[in-house]
Amino acid sequence: MELNSMMGQQLAALRQTVSLSVMNMAQTTGAAQATVMLNDFSKAQETAKSAPHPTLGKIVDLRG
């Protein structure tokens, strides 16, 4: 019975290690995806700022 108890403890420790490893990988992947998303958003904002307004100065509404 002592061997069975030791194997159970090792299995529990292995499960905990694997769970922590999977959680760490998910956290790292999420952080990397968030960084890419923020960089893309910054680039999109810069592009939007430099784009001219499509009707600026071309159409003047004189109707009151």
PDB file of N, CA and C in Angstrom:
ATOM      1  N   MET A   1       0.814  -1.201   0.000  1.00  0.00           N
ATOM      2  CA  MET A   1       0.000   0.000   0.000  1.00  0.00           C
ATOM      3  C   MET A   1       0.853   1.259   0.000  1.00  0.00           C
ATOM      4  N   GLU A   2       2.059   1.156   0.534  1.00  0.00           N
ATOM      5  CA  GLU A   2       2.926   2.320   0.595  1.00  0.00           C
ATOM      6  C   GLU A   2       3.332   2.787  -0.807  1.00  0.00           C
ATOM      7  N   LEU A   3       3.544   1.846  -1.725  1.00  0.00           N
ATOM      8  CA  LEU A   3       3.902   2.167  -3.104  1.00  0.00           C
ATOM      9  C   LEU A   3       2.744   2.896  -3.790  1.00  0.00           C
ATOM     10  N   ASN A   4       1.531   2.444  -3.546  1.00  0.00           N
ATOM     11  CA  ASN A   4       0.356   3.075  -4.132  1.00  0.00           C
ATOM     12  C   ASN A   4       0.197   4.509  -3.629  1.00  0.00           C
ATOM     13  N   SER A   5       0.466   4.744  -2.379  1.00  0.00           N
ATOM     14  CA  SER A   5       0.387   6.079  -1.794  1.00  0.00           C
ATOM     15  C   SER A   5       1.431   7.008  -2.415  1.00  0.00           C
ATOM     16  N   MET A   6       2.644   6.489  -2.594  1.00  0.00           N
ATOM     17  CA  MET A   6       3.702   7.298  -3.192  1.00  0.00           C
ATOM     18  C   MET A   6       3.371   7.645  -4.645  1.00  0.00           C
ATOM     19  N   MET A   7       2.842   6.696  -5.376  1.00  0.00           N
ATOM     20  CA  MET A   7       2.471   6.940  -6.771  1.00  0.00           C
ATOM     21  C   MET A   7       1.359   7.980  -6.848  1.00  0.00           C
ATOM     22  N   GLY A   8       0.424   7.935  -5.915  1.00  0.00           N
ATOM     23  CA  GLY A   8      -0.663   8.905  -5.877  1.00  0.00           C
ATOM     24  C   GLY A   8      -0.148  10.316  -5.626  1.00  0.00           C
ATOM     25  N   GLN A   9       0.810  10.427  -4.734  1.00  0.00           N
ATOM     26  CA  GLN A   9       1.393  11.735  -4.445  1.00  0.00           C
ATOM     27  C   GLN A   9       2.166  12.273  -5.652  1.00  0.00           C
ATOM     28  N   GLN A  10       2.908  11.401  -6.317  1.00  0.00           N
ATOM     29  CA  GLN A  10       3.653  11.823  -7.500  1.00  0.00           C
ATOM     30  C   GLN A  10       2.704  12.241  -8.624  1.00  0.00           C
ATOM     31  N   LEU A  11       1.605  11.515  -8.776  1.00  0.00           N
ATOM     32  CA  LEU A  11       0.625  11.848  -9.800  1.00  0.00           C
ATOM     33  C   LEU A  11      -0.026  13.193  -9.506  1.00  0.00           C
ATOM     34  N   ALA A  12      -0.339  13.449  -8.245  1.00  0.00           N
ATOM     35  CA  ALA A  12      -0.922  14.742  -7.874  1.00  0.00           C
ATOM     36  C   ALA A  12       0.060  15.883  -8.137  1.00  0.00           C
ATOM     37  N   ALA A  13       1.326  15.664  -7.827  1.00  0.00           N
ATOM     38  CA  ALA A  13       2.341  16.693  -8.073  1.00  0.00           C
ATOM     39  C   ALA A  13       2.513  16.924  -9.575  1.00  0.00           C
ATOM     40  N   LEU A  14       2.481  15.853 -10.352  1.00  0.00           N
ATOM     41  CA  LEU A  14       2.595  15.977 -11.807  1.00  0.00           C
ATOM     42  C   LEU A  14       1.403  16.736 -12.384  1.00  0.00           C
ATOM     43  N   ARG A  15       0.208  16.438 -11.897  1.00  0.00           N
ATOM     44  CA  ARG A  15      -0.988  17.147 -12.362  1.00  0.00           C
ATOM     45  C   ARG A  15      -0.895  18.639 -12.054  1.00  0.00           C
ATOM     46  N   GLN A  16      -0.430  18.981 -10.870  1.00  0.00           N
ATOM     47  CA  GLN A  16      -0.304  20.383 -10.493  1.00  0.00           C
ATOM     48  C   GLN A  16       0.730  21.086 -11.376  1.00  0.00           C
ATOM     49  N   THR A  17       1.843  20.419 -11.631  1.00  0.00           N
ATOM     50  CA  THR A  17       2.894  21.000 -12.472  1.00  0.00           C
ATOM     51  C   THR A  17       2.384  21.230 -13.888  1.00  0.00           C
ATOM     52  N   VAL A  18       1.673  20.258 -14.428  1.00  0.00           N
ATOM     53  CA  VAL A  18       1.139  20.390 -15.784  1.00  0.00           C
ATOM     54  C   VAL A  18       0.098  21.502 -15.835  1.00  0.00           C
ATOM     55  N   SER A  19      -0.755  21.576 -14.829  1.00  0.00           N
ATOM     56  CA  SER A  19      -1.769  22.630 -14.790  1.00  0.00           C
ATOM     57  C   SER A  19      -1.131  24.015 -14.754  1.00  0.00           C
ATOM     58  N   LEU A  20      -0.117  24.175 -13.933  1.00  0.00           N
ATOM     59  CA  LEU A  20       0.572  25.463 -13.857  1.00  0.00           C
ATOM     60  C   LEU A  20       1.278  25.799 -15.166  1.00  0.00           C
ATOM     61  N   SER A  21       1.836  24.796 -15.808  1.00  0.00           N
ATOM     62  CA  SER A  21       2.521  25.019 -17.078  1.00  0.00           C
ATOM     63  C   SER A  21       1.528  25.452 -18.163  1.00  0.00           C
ATOM     64  N   VAL A  22       0.393  24.795 -18.223  1.00  0.00           N
ATOM     65  CA  VAL A  22      -0.629  25.151 -19.212  1.00  0.00           C
ATOM     66  C   VAL A  22      -1.164  26.555 -18.940  1.00  0.00           C
ATOM     67  N   MET A  23      -1.384  26.884 -17.682  1.00  0.00           N
ATOM     68  CA  MET A  23      -1.872  28.213 -17.328  1.00  0.00           C
ATOM     69  C   MET A  23      -0.843  29.286 -17.708  1.00  0.00           C
ATOM     70  N   ASN A  24       0.426  29.019 -17.469  1.00  0.00           N
ATOM     71  CA  ASN A  24       1.487  29.963 -17.817  1.00  0.00           C
ATOM     72  C   ASN A  24       1.562  30.167 -19.328  1.00  0.00           C
ATOM     73  N   MET A  25       1.424  29.084 -20.092  1.00  0.00           N
ATOM     74  CA  MET A  25       1.449  29.194 -21.552  1.00  0.00           C
ATOM     75  C   MET A  25       0.262  30.018 -22.050  1.00  0.00           C
ATOM     76  N   ALA A  26      -0.908  29.809 -21.476  1.00  0.00           N
ATOM     77  CA  ALA A  26      -2.089  30.564 -21.878  1.00  0.00           C
ATOM     78  C   ALA A  26      -1.927  32.043 -21.550  1.00  0.00           C
ATOM     79  N   GLN A  27      -1.366  32.326 -20.407  1.00  0.00           N
ATOM     80  CA  GLN A  27      -1.145  33.714 -19.999  1.00  0.00           C
ATOM     81  C   GLN A  27      -0.139  34.402 -20.923  1.00  0.00           C
ATOM     82  N   THR A  28       0.915  33.703 -21.275  1.00  0.00           N
ATOM     83  CA  THR A  28       1.927  34.252 -22.177  1.00  0.00           C
ATOM     84  C   THR A  28       1.333  34.513 -23.561  1.00  0.00           C
ATOM     85  N   THR A  29       0.539  33.570 -24.042  1.00  0.00           N
ATOM     86  CA  THR A  29      -0.095  33.741 -25.352  1.00  0.00           C
ATOM     87  C   THR A  29      -1.060  34.920 -25.335  1.00  0.00           C
ATOM     88  N   GLY A  30      -1.833  35.059 -24.283  1.00  0.00           N
ATOM     89  CA  GLY A  30      -2.760  36.178 -24.163  1.00  0.00           C
ATOM     90  C   GLY A  30      -2.039  37.513 -24.128  1.00  0.00           C
ATOM     91  N   ALA A  31      -0.942  37.570 -23.423  1.00  0.00           N
ATOM     92  CA  ALA A  31      -0.172  38.817 -23.352  1.00  0.00           C
ATOM     93  C   ALA A  31       0.427  39.170 -24.719  1.00  0.00           C
ATOM     94  N   ALA A  32       0.905  38.176 -25.428  1.00  0.00           N
ATOM     95  CA  ALA A  32       1.477  38.428 -26.757  1.00  0.00           C
ATOM     96  C   ALA A  32       0.396  38.910 -27.720  1.00  0.00           C
ATOM     97  N   GLN A  33      -0.782  38.299 -27.661  1.00  0.00           N
ATOM     98  CA  GLN A  33      -1.877  38.712 -28.534  1.00  0.00           C
ATOM     99  C   GLN A  33      -2.343  40.125 -28.196  1.00  0.00           C
ATOM    100  N   ALA A  34      -2.367  40.466 -26.932  1.00  0.00           N
ATOM    101  CA  ALA A  34      -2.765  41.815 -26.527  1.00  0.00           C
ATOM    102  C   ALA A  34      -1.754  42.845 -27.030  1.00  0.00           C
ATOM    103  N   THR A  35      -0.483  42.515 -26.979  1.00  0.00           N
ATOM    104  CA  THR A  35       0.550  43.422 -27.473  1.00  0.00           C
ATOM    105  C   THR A  35       0.396  43.664 -28.970  1.00  0.00           C
ATOM    106  N   VAL A  36       0.165  42.601 -29.722  1.00  0.00           N
ATOM    107  CA  VAL A  36      -0.030  42.734 -31.169  1.00  0.00           C
ATOM    108  C   VAL A  36      -1.269  43.578 -31.455  1.00  0.00           C
ATOM    109  N   MET A  37      -2.340  43.333 -30.714  1.00  0.00           N
ATOM    110  CA  MET A  37      -3.576  44.078 -30.921  1.00  0.00           C
ATOM    111  C   MET A  37      -3.377  45.564 -30.635  1.00  0.00           C
ATOM    112  N   LEU A  38      -2.676  45.900 -29.575  1.00  0.00           N
ATOM    113  CA  LEU A  38      -2.433  47.301 -29.247  1.00  0.00           C
ATOM    114  C   LEU A  38      -1.536  47.976 -30.282  1.00  0.00           C
ATOM    115  N   ASN A  39      -0.538  47.258 -30.779  1.00  0.00           N
ATOM    116  CA  ASN A  39       0.318  47.821 -31.826  1.00  0.00           C
ATOM    117  C   ASN A  39      -0.476  48.081 -33.100  1.00  0.00           C
ATOM    118  N   ASP A  40      -1.330  47.126 -33.472  1.00  0.00           N
ATOM    119  CA  ASP A  40      -2.164  47.311 -34.660  1.00  0.00           C
ATOM    120  C   ASP A  40      -3.123  48.482 -34.479  1.00  0.00           C
ATOM    121  N   PHE A  41      -3.659  48.628 -33.291  1.00  0.00           N
ATOM    122  CA  PHE A  41      -4.579  49.730 -33.011  1.00  0.00           C
ATOM    123  C   PHE A  41      -3.861  51.072 -33.117  1.00  0.00           C
ATOM    124  N   SER A  42      -2.636  51.141 -32.611  1.00  0.00           N
ATOM    125  CA  SER A  42      -1.851  52.381 -32.702  1.00  0.00           C
ATOM    126  C   SER A  42      -1.569  52.741 -34.153  1.00  0.00           C
ATOM    127  N   LYS A  43      -1.225  51.745 -34.952  1.00  0.00           N
ATOM    128  CA  LYS A  43      -0.969  51.991 -36.371  1.00  0.00           C
ATOM    129  C   LYS A  43      -2.236  52.462 -37.081  1.00  0.00           C
ATOM    130  N   ALA A  44      -3.367  51.877 -36.737  1.00  0.00           N
ATOM    131  CA  ALA A  44      -4.636  52.276 -37.354  1.00  0.00           C
ATOM    132  C   ALA A  44      -4.987  53.707 -36.986  1.00  0.00           C
ATOM    133  N   GLN A  45      -4.718  54.107 -35.749  1.00  0.00           N
ATOM    134  CA  GLN A  45      -5.000  55.482 -35.331  1.00  0.00           C
ATOM    135  C   GLN A  45      -4.115  56.471 -36.084  1.00  0.00           C
ATOM    136  N   GLU A  46      -2.855  56.143 -36.284  1.00  0.00           N
ATOM    137  CA  GLU A  46      -1.953  57.024 -37.022  1.00  0.00           C
ATOM    138  C   GLU A  46      -2.428  57.185 -38.466  1.00  0.00           C
ATOM    139  N   THR A  47      -2.876  56.105 -39.056  1.00  0.00           N
ATOM    140  CA  THR A  47      -3.373  56.150 -40.427  1.00  0.00           C
ATOM    141  C   THR A  47      -4.632  57.001 -40.513  1.00  0.00           C
ATOM    142  N   ALA A  48      -5.503  56.865 -39.541  1.00  0.00           N
ATOM    143  CA  ALA A  48      -6.759  57.620 -39.542  1.00  0.00           C
ATOM    144  C   ALA A  48      -6.499  59.118 -39.356  1.00  0.00           C
ATOM    145  N   LYS A  49      -5.498  59.477 -38.600  1.00  0.00           N
ATOM    146  CA  LYS A  49      -5.189  60.888 -38.376  1.00  0.00           C
ATOM    147  C   LYS A  49      -4.668  61.550 -39.645  1.00  0.00           C
ATOM    148  N   SER A  50      -3.910  60.824 -40.429  1.00  0.00           N
ATOM    149  CA  SER A  50      -3.301  61.411 -41.613  1.00  0.00           C
ATOM    150  C   SER A  50      -4.216  61.374 -42.836  1.00  0.00           C
ATOM    151  N   ALA A  51      -5.329  60.661 -42.770  1.00  0.00           N
ATOM    152  CA  ALA A  51      -6.240  60.578 -43.913  1.00  0.00           C
ATOM    153  C   ALA A  51      -7.049  61.867 -44.022  1.00  0.00           C
ATOM    154  N   PRO A  52      -7.127  62.443 -45.228  1.00  0.00           N
ATOM    155  CA  PRO A  52      -7.902  63.672 -45.393  1.00  0.00           C
ATOM    156  C   PRO A  52      -9.399  63.381 -45.344  1.00  0.00           C
ATOM    157  N   HIS A  53     -10.142  64.379 -44.965  1.00  0.00           N
ATOM    158  CA  HIS A  53     -11.594  64.246 -44.954  1.00  0.00           C
ATOM    159  C   HIS A  53     -12.066  64.180 -46.404  1.00  0.00           C
ATOM    160  N   PRO A  54     -12.980  63.286 -46.742  1.00  0.00           N
ATOM    161  CA  PRO A  54     -13.338  63.092 -48.151  1.00  0.00           C
ATOM    162  C   PRO A  54     -14.021  64.288 -48.807  1.00  0.00           C
ATOM    163  N   THR A  55     -14.709  65.142 -48.043  1.00  0.00           N
ATOM    164  CA  THR A  55     -15.408  66.274 -48.659  1.00  0.00           C
ATOM    165  C   THR A  55     -14.912  67.616 -48.140  1.00  0.00           C
ATOM    166  N   LEU A  56     -13.821  67.650 -47.450  1.00  0.00           N
ATOM    167  CA  LEU A  56     -13.328  68.881 -46.863  1.00  0.00           C
ATOM    168  C   LEU A  56     -12.948  69.891 -47.945  1.00  0.00           C
ATOM    169  N   GLY A  57     -13.634  71.031 -47.957  1.00  0.00           N
ATOM    170  CA  GLY A  57     -13.334  72.095 -48.891  1.00  0.00           C
ATOM    171  C   GLY A  57     -13.920  71.918 -50.279  1.00  0.00           C
ATOM    172  N   LYS A  58     -14.599  70.827 -50.552  1.00  0.00           N
ATOM    173  CA  LYS A  58     -15.137  70.571 -51.876  1.00  0.00           C
ATOM    174  C   LYS A  58     -16.617  70.915 -51.976  1.00  0.00           C
ATOM    175  N   ILE A  59     -17.313  70.726 -50.892  1.00  0.00           N
ATOM    176  CA  ILE A  59     -18.753  70.971 -50.885  1.00  0.00           C
ATOM    177  C   ILE A  59     -19.069  72.005 -49.818  1.00  0.00           C
ATOM    178  N   VAL A  60     -19.723  73.089 -50.205  1.00  0.00           N
ATOM    179  CA  VAL A  60     -20.105  74.110 -49.254  1.00  0.00           C
ATOM    180  C   VAL A  60     -21.641  74.176 -49.255  1.00  0.00           C
ATOM    181  N   ASP A  61     -22.218  73.989 -48.074  1.00  0.00           N
ATOM    182  CA  ASP A  61     -23.667  74.019 -47.933  1.00  0.00           C
ATOM    183  C   ASP A  61     -24.101  75.446 -47.619  1.00  0.00           C
ATOM    184  N   LEU A  62     -24.719  76.106 -48.576  1.00  0.00           N
ATOM    185  CA  LEU A  62     -25.166  77.476 -48.391  1.00  0.00           C
ATOM    186  C   LEU A  62     -26.617  77.564 -47.947  1.00  0.00           C
ATOM    187  N   ARG A  63     -27.268  76.435 -47.903  1.00  0.00           N
ATOM    188  CA  ARG A  63     -28.655  76.446 -47.420  1.00  0.00           C
ATOM    189  C   ARG A  63     -28.672  76.713 -45.924  1.00  0.00           C
ATOM    190  N   GLY A  64     -29.581  77.527 -45.513  1.00  0.00           N
ATOM    191  CA  GLY A  64     -29.624  77.927 -44.117  1.00  0.00           C
ATOM    192  C   GLY A  64     -30.370  76.979 -43.324  1.00  0.00           C
TER     193      GLY A  64
END
